[in-house]
């Protein structure tokens, strides 16, 4: 709700993130060579984990490439233009997008954000070194869906990676986390993490 004494810029139309999530899942399934998620049961886990690891690598690289631009555009629109509906525009929860802003301003995502009149927000942003971004709305609408889609692909791929790690850890494979990591070309800590998640999901 808009607060008394504060004015807001027009609301920005949010991208269709539900559609982006569906597209991301279809894309991951295709890259994994699966038609449906349940087809993973009959796929070779040693093949599946290599493909999943590549998807994670590509998704992380894409996020790294666009995240700063997204966050800078978001911060400009919140601090300097006071636009409404930014959480939906960026595809985050209200808490999630406030965490992004607090991390940028205070290097602490849980730090309370300033909540004064427009002029005070501008002054606080300038004092904290928050950049002014030309064409911020256009840049946010370009980068936010890219980041969201990459993270969605990553989330889907991680589920299949966990299943593959678990299968490779059991008979007839019986591979160690180190063997799995070497085969997939990833750090062993990632394999330990995914194995633990898969075991927890099974109540082990």
N, C-alpha and C. Protein backbone atom coordinates (compact mmCIF):
# COMPACT_ATOMS: atom_id res chain seq x y z
N UNK A 1 0.84 -1.20 0.00
CA UNK A 1 0.00 0.00 0.00
C UNK A 1 0.88 1.25 0.00
N UNK A 2 0.59 2.22 -0.85
CA UNK A 2 1.33 3.47 -0.83
C UNK A 2 1.16 4.17 0.51
N UNK A 3 2.22 4.78 1.00
CA UNK A 3 2.17 5.45 2.29
C UNK A 3 1.90 6.93 2.11
N UNK A 4 1.28 7.53 3.14
CA UNK A 4 1.00 8.96 3.10
C UNK A 4 2.30 9.73 3.03
N UNK A 5 2.31 10.78 2.23
CA UNK A 5 3.50 11.61 2.13
C UNK A 5 4.54 11.08 1.17
N UNK A 6 4.23 9.97 0.52
CA UNK A 6 5.18 9.40 -0.44
C UNK A 6 4.47 9.21 -1.77
N UNK A 7 5.14 9.58 -2.84
CA UNK A 7 4.56 9.38 -4.17
C UNK A 7 5.32 8.26 -4.88
N UNK A 8 4.63 7.59 -5.79
CA UNK A 8 5.20 6.45 -6.47
C UNK A 8 5.08 6.60 -7.98
N UNK A 9 6.08 6.07 -8.68
CA UNK A 9 6.00 6.02 -10.13
C UNK A 9 5.05 4.92 -10.55
N UNK A 10 4.68 4.87 -11.83
CA UNK A 10 3.72 3.86 -12.30
C UNK A 10 4.24 2.43 -12.14
N UNK A 11 3.30 1.54 -11.93
CA UNK A 11 3.63 0.12 -11.77
C UNK A 11 4.16 -0.44 -13.10
N UNK A 12 5.15 -1.30 -13.01
CA UNK A 12 5.74 -1.91 -14.19
C UNK A 12 5.09 -3.27 -14.42
N UNK A 13 4.70 -3.55 -15.63
CA UNK A 13 4.09 -4.84 -15.95
C UNK A 13 5.09 -5.96 -15.74
N UNK A 14 4.67 -7.00 -15.04
CA UNK A 14 5.58 -8.11 -14.75
C UNK A 14 5.62 -9.10 -15.90
N UNK A 15 6.78 -9.65 -16.22
CA UNK A 15 6.86 -10.74 -17.19
C UNK A 15 6.06 -11.95 -16.70
N UNK A 16 5.78 -12.88 -17.59
CA UNK A 16 5.04 -14.08 -17.24
C UNK A 16 6.03 -15.13 -16.72
N UNK A 17 6.31 -15.05 -15.42
CA UNK A 17 7.32 -15.95 -14.86
C UNK A 17 6.84 -17.39 -14.78
N UNK A 18 5.54 -17.62 -14.65
CA UNK A 18 5.03 -18.99 -14.66
C UNK A 18 5.34 -19.66 -16.00
N UNK A 19 5.17 -18.92 -17.08
CA UNK A 19 5.49 -19.44 -18.40
C UNK A 19 6.98 -19.66 -18.56
N UNK A 20 7.78 -18.75 -18.01
CA UNK A 20 9.23 -18.90 -18.06
C UNK A 20 9.66 -20.17 -17.33
N UNK A 21 9.03 -20.46 -16.19
CA UNK A 21 9.35 -21.68 -15.44
C UNK A 21 9.01 -22.93 -16.26
N UNK A 22 7.87 -22.93 -16.91
CA UNK A 22 7.47 -24.08 -17.72
C UNK A 22 8.43 -24.29 -18.89
N UNK A 23 8.81 -23.20 -19.53
CA UNK A 23 9.74 -23.29 -20.65
C UNK A 23 11.09 -23.80 -20.19
N UNK A 24 11.53 -23.34 -19.02
CA UNK A 24 12.81 -23.77 -18.47
C UNK A 24 12.82 -25.28 -18.21
N UNK A 25 11.73 -25.79 -17.67
CA UNK A 25 11.67 -27.23 -17.39
C UNK A 25 11.71 -28.03 -18.69
N UNK A 26 10.95 -27.59 -19.69
CA UNK A 26 10.97 -28.30 -20.97
C UNK A 26 12.36 -28.29 -21.59
N UNK A 27 13.04 -27.16 -21.47
CA UNK A 27 14.38 -27.04 -22.04
C UNK A 27 15.36 -27.99 -21.35
N UNK A 28 15.27 -28.07 -20.03
CA UNK A 28 16.17 -28.95 -19.29
C UNK A 28 15.90 -30.41 -19.64
N UNK A 29 14.64 -30.78 -19.70
CA UNK A 29 14.30 -32.16 -20.06
C UNK A 29 14.88 -32.51 -21.43
N UNK A 30 14.76 -31.60 -22.37
CA UNK A 30 15.29 -31.84 -23.71
C UNK A 30 16.80 -32.02 -23.67
N UNK A 31 17.49 -31.15 -22.91
CA UNK A 31 18.95 -31.24 -22.83
C UNK A 31 19.40 -32.51 -22.12
N UNK A 32 18.56 -33.02 -21.22
CA UNK A 32 18.89 -34.26 -20.53
C UNK A 32 18.51 -35.49 -21.35
N UNK A 33 17.82 -35.28 -22.47
CA UNK A 33 17.41 -36.39 -23.30
C UNK A 33 16.18 -37.11 -22.77
N UNK A 34 15.34 -36.38 -22.02
CA UNK A 34 14.14 -36.97 -21.42
C UNK A 34 12.89 -36.33 -22.02
N UNK A 35 11.85 -37.12 -22.15
CA UNK A 35 10.57 -36.56 -22.60
C UNK A 35 9.73 -36.10 -21.41
N UNK A 36 9.81 -36.86 -20.31
CA UNK A 36 9.06 -36.55 -19.11
C UNK A 36 9.98 -36.71 -17.91
N UNK A 37 9.69 -36.02 -16.79
CA UNK A 37 10.55 -36.15 -15.60
C UNK A 37 10.71 -37.59 -15.14
N UNK A 38 9.62 -38.38 -15.22
CA UNK A 38 9.69 -39.76 -14.74
C UNK A 38 10.59 -40.65 -15.59
N UNK A 39 10.95 -40.20 -16.79
CA UNK A 39 11.85 -40.98 -17.63
C UNK A 39 13.25 -41.06 -17.06
N UNK A 40 13.55 -40.22 -16.07
CA UNK A 40 14.88 -40.25 -15.45
C UNK A 40 15.16 -41.58 -14.77
N UNK A 41 14.10 -42.28 -14.38
CA UNK A 41 14.25 -43.56 -13.68
C UNK A 41 14.99 -44.58 -14.55
N UNK A 42 14.75 -44.52 -15.86
CA UNK A 42 15.36 -45.50 -16.76
C UNK A 42 16.60 -44.96 -17.47
N UNK A 43 16.95 -43.70 -17.20
CA UNK A 43 18.14 -43.12 -17.83
C UNK A 43 19.40 -43.58 -17.10
N UNK A 44 20.49 -43.59 -17.81
CA UNK A 44 21.78 -43.95 -17.19
C UNK A 44 22.22 -42.80 -16.29
N UNK A 45 22.41 -43.04 -14.99
CA UNK A 45 22.79 -41.95 -14.09
C UNK A 45 24.16 -41.35 -14.39
N UNK A 46 25.07 -42.16 -14.92
CA UNK A 46 26.39 -41.63 -15.24
C UNK A 46 26.33 -40.66 -16.42
N UNK A 47 25.36 -40.87 -17.31
CA UNK A 47 25.14 -39.94 -18.42
C UNK A 47 24.35 -38.72 -17.95
N UNK A 48 23.35 -38.97 -17.12
CA UNK A 48 22.47 -37.91 -16.64
C UNK A 48 23.24 -36.87 -15.83
N UNK A 49 24.16 -37.32 -15.00
CA UNK A 49 24.85 -36.36 -14.14
C UNK A 49 25.78 -35.45 -14.93
N UNK A 50 26.37 -35.96 -15.99
CA UNK A 50 27.24 -35.13 -16.83
C UNK A 50 26.42 -34.03 -17.50
N UNK A 51 25.28 -34.40 -18.04
CA UNK A 51 24.42 -33.42 -18.70
C UNK A 51 23.87 -32.40 -17.70
N UNK A 52 23.47 -32.87 -16.52
CA UNK A 52 22.94 -31.96 -15.50
C UNK A 52 24.02 -30.98 -15.04
N UNK A 53 25.24 -31.48 -14.89
CA UNK A 53 26.34 -30.61 -14.46
C UNK A 53 26.60 -29.50 -15.47
N UNK A 54 26.49 -29.82 -16.76
CA UNK A 54 26.70 -28.81 -17.80
C UNK A 54 25.60 -27.75 -17.75
N UNK A 55 24.38 -28.18 -17.48
CA UNK A 55 23.28 -27.23 -17.39
C UNK A 55 23.51 -26.29 -16.21
N UNK A 56 23.94 -26.82 -15.08
CA UNK A 56 24.24 -25.99 -13.92
C UNK A 56 25.33 -24.98 -14.24
N UNK A 57 26.36 -25.45 -14.91
CA UNK A 57 27.49 -24.58 -15.25
C UNK A 57 27.04 -23.42 -16.16
N UNK A 58 26.24 -23.75 -17.16
CA UNK A 58 25.74 -22.73 -18.08
C UNK A 58 24.80 -21.76 -17.38
N UNK A 59 23.93 -22.27 -16.52
CA UNK A 59 22.98 -21.42 -15.81
C UNK A 59 23.71 -20.47 -14.86
N UNK A 60 24.70 -20.98 -14.14
CA UNK A 60 25.46 -20.13 -13.23
C UNK A 60 26.20 -19.03 -13.98
N UNK A 61 26.74 -19.37 -15.14
CA UNK A 61 27.45 -18.37 -15.94
C UNK A 61 26.50 -17.29 -16.43
N UNK A 62 25.28 -17.69 -16.81
CA UNK A 62 24.30 -16.73 -17.30
C UNK A 62 23.84 -15.80 -16.18
N UNK A 63 23.62 -16.36 -15.00
CA UNK A 63 23.24 -15.53 -13.85
C UNK A 63 24.35 -14.53 -13.55
N UNK A 64 25.57 -15.01 -13.51
CA UNK A 64 26.70 -14.13 -13.20
C UNK A 64 26.82 -12.99 -14.20
N UNK A 65 26.47 -13.26 -15.46
CA UNK A 65 26.60 -12.26 -16.51
C UNK A 65 25.56 -11.15 -16.38
N UNK A 66 24.38 -11.46 -15.88
CA UNK A 66 23.28 -10.50 -15.90
C UNK A 66 22.81 -10.02 -14.53
N UNK A 67 23.25 -10.66 -13.45
CA UNK A 67 22.70 -10.37 -12.13
C UNK A 67 22.98 -8.94 -11.68
N UNK A 68 24.21 -8.47 -11.86
CA UNK A 68 24.54 -7.12 -11.40
C UNK A 68 23.71 -6.07 -12.12
N UNK A 69 23.53 -6.24 -13.43
CA UNK A 69 22.74 -5.28 -14.20
C UNK A 69 21.28 -5.30 -13.73
N UNK A 70 20.77 -6.49 -13.45
CA UNK A 70 19.40 -6.58 -12.94
C UNK A 70 19.27 -5.87 -11.61
N UNK A 71 20.21 -6.14 -10.70
CA UNK A 71 20.12 -5.56 -9.36
C UNK A 71 20.30 -4.05 -9.37
N UNK A 72 21.18 -3.55 -10.23
CA UNK A 72 21.38 -2.11 -10.33
C UNK A 72 20.14 -1.41 -10.86
N UNK A 73 19.49 -2.03 -11.86
CA UNK A 73 18.25 -1.46 -12.39
C UNK A 73 17.14 -1.50 -11.34
N UNK A 74 17.05 -2.59 -10.62
CA UNK A 74 16.06 -2.72 -9.55
C UNK A 74 16.27 -1.65 -8.48
N UNK A 75 17.51 -1.47 -8.06
CA UNK A 75 17.81 -0.49 -7.02
C UNK A 75 17.48 0.92 -7.49
N UNK A 76 17.82 1.24 -8.73
CA UNK A 76 17.51 2.57 -9.26
C UNK A 76 16.00 2.80 -9.21
N UNK A 77 15.23 1.83 -9.65
CA UNK A 77 13.78 2.01 -9.71
C UNK A 77 13.16 2.11 -8.32
N UNK A 78 13.76 1.45 -7.34
CA UNK A 78 13.20 1.50 -5.99
C UNK A 78 13.59 2.78 -5.26
N UNK A 79 14.86 3.15 -5.37
CA UNK A 79 15.35 4.31 -4.61
C UNK A 79 15.08 5.64 -5.31
N UNK A 80 15.31 5.69 -6.62
CA UNK A 80 15.26 6.97 -7.32
C UNK A 80 13.92 7.26 -7.98
N UNK A 81 13.17 6.22 -8.33
CA UNK A 81 11.88 6.44 -8.99
C UNK A 81 10.70 5.96 -8.16
N UNK A 82 10.98 5.18 -7.12
CA UNK A 82 9.94 4.66 -6.21
C UNK A 82 8.78 4.02 -6.98
N UNK A 83 9.13 3.05 -7.80
CA UNK A 83 8.12 2.39 -8.61
C UNK A 83 7.40 1.30 -7.80
N UNK A 84 6.15 1.06 -8.13
CA UNK A 84 5.35 0.05 -7.45
C UNK A 84 5.47 -1.31 -8.15
N UNK A 85 5.23 -2.38 -7.36
CA UNK A 85 5.15 -3.72 -7.93
C UNK A 85 6.46 -4.32 -8.37
N UNK A 86 7.57 -3.85 -7.80
CA UNK A 86 8.87 -4.32 -8.29
C UNK A 86 9.14 -5.78 -7.96
N UNK A 87 8.55 -6.29 -6.90
CA UNK A 87 8.79 -7.70 -6.58
C UNK A 87 8.27 -8.59 -7.70
N UNK A 88 7.08 -8.30 -8.20
CA UNK A 88 6.53 -9.09 -9.31
C UNK A 88 7.30 -8.85 -10.59
N UNK A 89 7.74 -7.61 -10.80
CA UNK A 89 8.49 -7.30 -12.01
C UNK A 89 9.79 -8.10 -12.08
N UNK A 90 10.43 -8.27 -10.93
CA UNK A 90 11.73 -8.95 -10.91
C UNK A 90 11.58 -10.44 -10.66
N UNK A 91 10.37 -10.88 -10.33
CA UNK A 91 10.14 -12.31 -10.14
C UNK A 91 10.60 -12.83 -8.79
N UNK A 92 10.55 -11.97 -7.76
CA UNK A 92 10.95 -12.35 -6.42
C UNK A 92 9.80 -12.08 -5.45
N UNK A 93 9.87 -12.69 -4.28
CA UNK A 93 8.91 -12.35 -3.23
C UNK A 93 9.21 -10.95 -2.71
N UNK A 94 8.28 -10.38 -1.95
CA UNK A 94 8.52 -9.07 -1.34
C UNK A 94 9.79 -9.10 -0.49
N UNK A 95 9.95 -10.18 0.28
CA UNK A 95 11.15 -10.31 1.11
C UNK A 95 12.38 -10.49 0.25
N UNK A 96 12.25 -11.26 -0.83
CA UNK A 96 13.40 -11.53 -1.69
C UNK A 96 13.97 -10.29 -2.33
N UNK A 97 13.11 -9.44 -2.87
CA UNK A 97 13.66 -8.26 -3.55
C UNK A 97 14.17 -7.24 -2.54
N UNK A 98 13.58 -7.20 -1.35
CA UNK A 98 14.11 -6.31 -0.30
C UNK A 98 15.47 -6.80 0.18
N UNK A 99 15.68 -8.11 0.20
CA UNK A 99 16.99 -8.65 0.55
C UNK A 99 18.05 -8.22 -0.46
N UNK A 100 17.67 -8.23 -1.74
CA UNK A 100 18.60 -7.78 -2.78
C UNK A 100 19.01 -6.33 -2.55
N UNK A 101 18.03 -5.48 -2.28
CA UNK A 101 18.30 -4.06 -2.08
C UNK A 101 19.14 -3.83 -0.82
N UNK A 102 18.82 -4.53 0.26
CA UNK A 102 19.56 -4.35 1.51
C UNK A 102 21.00 -4.83 1.36
N UNK A 103 21.18 -5.91 0.60
CA UNK A 103 22.54 -6.41 0.35
C UNK A 103 23.36 -5.37 -0.41
N UNK A 104 22.72 -4.73 -1.39
CA UNK A 104 23.44 -3.71 -2.17
C UNK A 104 23.77 -2.49 -1.32
N UNK A 105 22.84 -2.08 -0.47
CA UNK A 105 23.02 -0.84 0.28
C UNK A 105 23.87 -1.03 1.53
N UNK A 106 23.68 -2.15 2.24
CA UNK A 106 24.33 -2.34 3.55
C UNK A 106 25.25 -3.55 3.59
N UNK A 107 25.33 -4.31 2.49
CA UNK A 107 26.07 -5.57 2.47
C UNK A 107 25.53 -6.53 3.53
N UNK A 108 24.24 -6.43 3.78
CA UNK A 108 23.56 -7.28 4.77
C UNK A 108 22.11 -7.39 4.33
N UNK A 109 21.74 -8.55 3.82
CA UNK A 109 20.41 -8.67 3.22
C UNK A 109 19.28 -8.52 4.24
N UNK A 110 19.58 -8.66 5.52
CA UNK A 110 18.53 -8.56 6.54
C UNK A 110 18.46 -7.17 7.17
N UNK A 111 19.31 -6.26 6.72
CA UNK A 111 19.28 -4.91 7.28
C UNK A 111 18.00 -4.20 6.82
N UNK A 112 17.32 -3.51 7.74
CA UNK A 112 16.10 -2.78 7.33
C UNK A 112 16.42 -1.71 6.29
N UNK A 113 15.55 -1.57 5.33
CA UNK A 113 15.71 -0.53 4.30
C UNK A 113 15.16 0.79 4.81
N UNK A 114 15.72 1.91 4.34
CA UNK A 114 15.14 3.21 4.70
C UNK A 114 13.71 3.31 4.18
N UNK A 115 12.88 4.02 4.92
CA UNK A 115 11.46 4.03 4.56
C UNK A 115 10.85 5.42 4.71
N UNK A 116 11.65 6.43 4.41
CA UNK A 116 11.16 7.80 4.55
C UNK A 116 10.54 8.32 3.27
N UNK A 117 10.34 9.62 3.21
CA UNK A 117 9.81 10.25 1.99
C UNK A 117 10.76 10.06 0.81
N UNK A 118 10.28 10.39 -0.37
CA UNK A 118 11.06 10.20 -1.59
C UNK A 118 12.45 10.82 -1.50
N UNK A 119 12.51 12.05 -1.01
CA UNK A 119 13.79 12.75 -0.96
C UNK A 119 14.79 12.03 -0.05
N UNK A 120 14.31 11.46 1.04
CA UNK A 120 15.20 10.75 1.96
C UNK A 120 15.72 9.46 1.32
N UNK A 121 14.85 8.79 0.55
CA UNK A 121 15.31 7.59 -0.14
C UNK A 121 16.41 7.92 -1.13
N UNK A 122 16.23 9.00 -1.87
CA UNK A 122 17.24 9.42 -2.85
C UNK A 122 18.55 9.76 -2.14
N UNK A 123 18.46 10.51 -1.05
CA UNK A 123 19.67 10.89 -0.31
C UNK A 123 20.38 9.66 0.25
N UNK A 124 19.61 8.72 0.79
CA UNK A 124 20.21 7.51 1.35
C UNK A 124 20.90 6.69 0.26
N UNK A 125 20.26 6.62 -0.90
CA UNK A 125 20.85 5.86 -2.02
C UNK A 125 22.13 6.51 -2.50
N UNK A 126 22.12 7.84 -2.61
CA UNK A 126 23.31 8.54 -3.06
C UNK A 126 24.45 8.37 -2.06
N UNK A 127 24.12 8.45 -0.78
CA UNK A 127 25.14 8.29 0.26
C UNK A 127 25.74 6.88 0.25
N UNK A 128 24.92 5.89 -0.12
CA UNK A 128 25.38 4.50 -0.15
C UNK A 128 26.06 4.13 -1.46
N UNK A 129 26.07 5.08 -2.43
CA UNK A 129 26.70 4.80 -3.71
C UNK A 129 25.86 3.97 -4.66
N UNK A 130 24.55 3.97 -4.45
CA UNK A 130 23.66 3.26 -5.38
C UNK A 130 23.66 4.00 -6.71
N UNK A 131 23.94 3.27 -7.78
CA UNK A 131 24.06 3.90 -9.10
C UNK A 131 22.71 4.37 -9.64
N UNK A 132 22.75 5.45 -10.37
CA UNK A 132 21.60 5.82 -11.20
C UNK A 132 21.77 5.11 -12.55
N UNK A 133 20.70 4.56 -13.04
CA UNK A 133 20.75 3.73 -14.24
C UNK A 133 19.83 4.32 -15.30
N UNK A 134 20.39 4.65 -16.44
CA UNK A 134 19.56 5.11 -17.55
C UNK A 134 18.75 3.94 -18.11
N UNK A 135 17.51 4.24 -18.49
CA UNK A 135 16.62 3.21 -19.05
C UNK A 135 16.50 2.01 -18.11
N UNK A 136 16.37 2.31 -16.82
CA UNK A 136 16.36 1.24 -15.81
C UNK A 136 15.20 0.27 -16.00
N UNK A 137 14.03 0.79 -16.35
CA UNK A 137 12.88 -0.10 -16.54
C UNK A 137 13.14 -1.07 -17.67
N UNK A 138 13.65 -0.56 -18.77
CA UNK A 138 13.96 -1.42 -19.92
C UNK A 138 15.01 -2.47 -19.56
N UNK A 139 16.03 -2.06 -18.81
CA UNK A 139 17.09 -3.00 -18.43
C UNK A 139 16.58 -4.05 -17.46
N UNK A 140 15.69 -3.65 -16.54
CA UNK A 140 15.14 -4.62 -15.60
C UNK A 140 14.28 -5.65 -16.34
N UNK A 141 13.47 -5.17 -17.25
CA UNK A 141 12.59 -6.08 -17.99
C UNK A 141 13.36 -6.99 -18.93
N UNK A 142 14.58 -6.59 -19.28
CA UNK A 142 15.43 -7.44 -20.11
C UNK A 142 16.17 -8.49 -19.28
N UNK A 143 16.77 -8.05 -18.18
CA UNK A 143 17.65 -8.93 -17.41
C UNK A 143 16.94 -9.81 -16.40
N UNK A 144 15.86 -9.32 -15.80
CA UNK A 144 15.18 -10.11 -14.77
C UNK A 144 14.67 -11.45 -15.31
N UNK A 145 14.03 -11.49 -16.48
CA UNK A 145 13.61 -12.79 -17.01
C UNK A 145 14.79 -13.72 -17.35
N UNK A 146 15.90 -13.15 -17.77
CA UNK A 146 17.07 -13.97 -18.08
C UNK A 146 17.59 -14.65 -16.82
N UNK A 147 17.73 -13.86 -15.76
CA UNK A 147 18.21 -14.40 -14.49
C UNK A 147 17.23 -15.44 -13.95
N UNK A 148 15.95 -15.11 -14.00
CA UNK A 148 14.94 -16.03 -13.49
C UNK A 148 14.96 -17.35 -14.27
N UNK A 149 15.03 -17.27 -15.59
CA UNK A 149 15.03 -18.48 -16.42
C UNK A 149 16.26 -19.34 -16.14
N UNK A 150 17.41 -18.70 -15.98
CA UNK A 150 18.64 -19.45 -15.69
C UNK A 150 18.54 -20.15 -14.35
N UNK A 151 18.01 -19.45 -13.36
CA UNK A 151 17.85 -20.08 -12.04
C UNK A 151 16.81 -21.19 -12.07
N UNK A 152 15.78 -21.00 -12.87
CA UNK A 152 14.76 -22.05 -13.00
C UNK A 152 15.36 -23.30 -13.64
N UNK A 153 16.17 -23.11 -14.69
CA UNK A 153 16.83 -24.27 -15.32
C UNK A 153 17.76 -24.96 -14.32
N UNK A 154 18.44 -24.16 -13.55
CA UNK A 154 19.35 -24.72 -12.55
C UNK A 154 18.59 -25.55 -11.52
N UNK A 155 17.47 -25.01 -11.04
CA UNK A 155 16.68 -25.72 -10.04
C UNK A 155 16.18 -27.06 -10.57
N UNK A 156 15.76 -27.08 -11.82
CA UNK A 156 15.28 -28.33 -12.41
C UNK A 156 16.44 -29.31 -12.56
N UNK A 157 17.57 -28.83 -13.06
CA UNK A 157 18.72 -29.70 -13.29
C UNK A 157 19.25 -30.27 -11.98
N UNK A 158 19.20 -29.49 -10.91
CA UNK A 158 19.69 -29.95 -9.61
C UNK A 158 18.90 -31.17 -9.14
N UNK A 159 17.59 -31.16 -9.37
CA UNK A 159 16.77 -32.32 -8.94
C UNK A 159 17.25 -33.60 -9.62
N UNK A 160 17.53 -33.50 -10.93
CA UNK A 160 18.00 -34.68 -11.65
C UNK A 160 19.43 -35.04 -11.25
N UNK A 161 20.23 -34.04 -10.94
CA UNK A 161 21.58 -34.32 -10.47
C UNK A 161 21.54 -35.09 -9.15
N UNK A 162 20.65 -34.69 -8.26
CA UNK A 162 20.54 -35.37 -6.97
C UNK A 162 20.16 -36.83 -7.16
N UNK A 163 19.21 -37.08 -8.06
CA UNK A 163 18.80 -38.46 -8.32
C UNK A 163 19.95 -39.27 -8.91
N UNK A 164 20.70 -38.64 -9.81
CA UNK A 164 21.82 -39.34 -10.43
C UNK A 164 22.92 -39.63 -9.41
N UNK A 165 23.20 -38.66 -8.54
CA UNK A 165 24.22 -38.87 -7.51
C UNK A 165 23.82 -40.02 -6.58
N UNK A 166 22.57 -40.02 -6.20
CA UNK A 166 22.11 -41.10 -5.32
C UNK A 166 22.24 -42.45 -6.00
N UNK A 167 21.81 -42.53 -7.27
CA UNK A 167 21.88 -43.81 -8.00
C UNK A 167 23.32 -44.27 -8.14
N UNK A 168 24.21 -43.35 -8.43
CA UNK A 168 25.61 -43.72 -8.61
C UNK A 168 26.27 -44.13 -7.29
N UNK A 169 25.73 -43.65 -6.19
CA UNK A 169 26.27 -43.99 -4.87
C UNK A 169 25.85 -45.40 -4.43
N UNK A 170 24.77 -45.90 -5.03
CA UNK A 170 24.22 -47.20 -4.64
C UNK A 170 24.67 -48.29 -5.61
N UNK A 171 24.32 -49.52 -5.30
CA UNK A 171 24.61 -50.63 -6.20
C UNK A 171 23.72 -50.50 -7.44
N UNK A 172 24.17 -50.91 -8.62
CA UNK A 172 25.43 -51.64 -8.88
C UNK A 172 26.65 -50.74 -9.08
N UNK A 173 26.48 -49.41 -8.99
CA UNK A 173 27.62 -48.53 -9.25
C UNK A 173 28.55 -48.46 -8.04
N UNK A 174 28.03 -47.97 -6.93
CA UNK A 174 28.83 -47.87 -5.72
C UNK A 174 29.97 -46.89 -5.81
N UNK A 175 29.78 -45.80 -6.56
CA UNK A 175 30.84 -44.81 -6.72
C UNK A 175 30.95 -43.94 -5.48
N UNK A 176 32.17 -43.50 -5.21
CA UNK A 176 32.39 -42.54 -4.12
C UNK A 176 32.07 -41.13 -4.64
N UNK A 177 31.82 -40.18 -3.73
CA UNK A 177 31.60 -38.80 -4.18
C UNK A 177 32.75 -38.26 -5.02
N UNK A 178 33.97 -38.67 -4.68
CA UNK A 178 35.12 -38.22 -5.46
C UNK A 178 35.08 -38.76 -6.89
N UNK A 179 34.68 -40.01 -7.04
CA UNK A 179 34.57 -40.60 -8.38
C UNK A 179 33.45 -39.92 -9.19
N UNK A 180 32.35 -39.65 -8.53
CA UNK A 180 31.23 -38.98 -9.21
C UNK A 180 31.63 -37.58 -9.64
N UNK A 181 32.30 -36.85 -8.73
CA UNK A 181 32.72 -35.48 -9.04
C UNK A 181 33.68 -35.46 -10.22
N UNK A 182 34.63 -36.40 -10.24
CA UNK A 182 35.59 -36.45 -11.34
C UNK A 182 34.88 -36.76 -12.66
N UNK A 183 33.94 -37.68 -12.62
CA UNK A 183 33.20 -38.06 -13.82
C UNK A 183 32.37 -36.89 -14.36
N UNK A 184 31.75 -36.14 -13.44
CA UNK A 184 30.88 -35.03 -13.85
C UNK A 184 31.66 -33.74 -14.11
N UNK A 185 32.92 -33.70 -13.68
CA UNK A 185 33.72 -32.49 -13.87
C UNK A 185 33.31 -31.35 -12.95
N UNK A 186 32.95 -31.70 -11.69
CA UNK A 186 32.54 -30.69 -10.73
C UNK A 186 33.31 -30.87 -9.43
N UNK A 187 33.18 -29.92 -8.52
CA UNK A 187 33.82 -30.01 -7.21
C UNK A 187 33.14 -31.10 -6.38
N UNK A 188 33.92 -31.81 -5.60
CA UNK A 188 33.34 -32.91 -4.83
C UNK A 188 32.36 -32.40 -3.77
N UNK A 189 32.57 -31.16 -3.28
CA UNK A 189 31.65 -30.61 -2.28
C UNK A 189 30.23 -30.53 -2.83
N UNK A 190 30.10 -30.25 -4.13
CA UNK A 190 28.78 -30.20 -4.75
C UNK A 190 28.13 -31.57 -4.71
N UNK A 191 28.91 -32.61 -4.95
CA UNK A 191 28.37 -33.97 -4.95
C UNK A 191 27.95 -34.37 -3.54
N UNK A 192 28.76 -34.04 -2.55
CA UNK A 192 28.37 -34.34 -1.16
C UNK A 192 27.05 -33.63 -0.83
N UNK A 193 26.93 -32.40 -1.25
CA UNK A 193 25.72 -31.62 -0.97
C UNK A 193 24.50 -32.24 -1.63
N UNK A 194 24.63 -32.63 -2.90
CA UNK A 194 23.50 -33.19 -3.61
C UNK A 194 23.15 -34.59 -3.11
N UNK A 195 24.14 -35.35 -2.72
CA UNK A 195 23.87 -36.68 -2.16
C UNK A 195 23.11 -36.55 -0.84
N UNK A 196 23.53 -35.59 0.00
CA UNK A 196 22.86 -35.37 1.28
C UNK A 196 21.40 -34.96 1.06
N UNK A 197 21.16 -34.10 0.06
CA UNK A 197 19.79 -33.66 -0.23
C UNK A 197 18.94 -34.82 -0.71
N UNK A 198 19.51 -35.68 -1.54
CA UNK A 198 18.77 -36.83 -2.06
C UNK A 198 18.45 -37.82 -0.94
N UNK A 199 19.40 -38.02 -0.06
CA UNK A 199 19.18 -38.95 1.07
C UNK A 199 18.13 -38.39 2.03
N UNK A 200 18.19 -37.10 2.27
CA UNK A 200 17.22 -36.47 3.17
C UNK A 200 15.80 -36.60 2.61
N UNK A 201 15.68 -36.43 1.29
CA UNK A 201 14.37 -36.54 0.67
C UNK A 201 13.80 -37.94 0.81
N UNK A 202 14.68 -38.92 0.94
CA UNK A 202 14.24 -40.31 1.10
C UNK A 202 14.15 -40.71 2.56
N UNK A 203 14.41 -39.78 3.46
CA UNK A 203 14.34 -40.07 4.89
C UNK A 203 15.48 -40.94 5.38
N UNK A 204 16.63 -40.85 4.71
CA UNK A 204 17.80 -41.67 5.10
C UNK A 204 18.77 -40.88 5.97
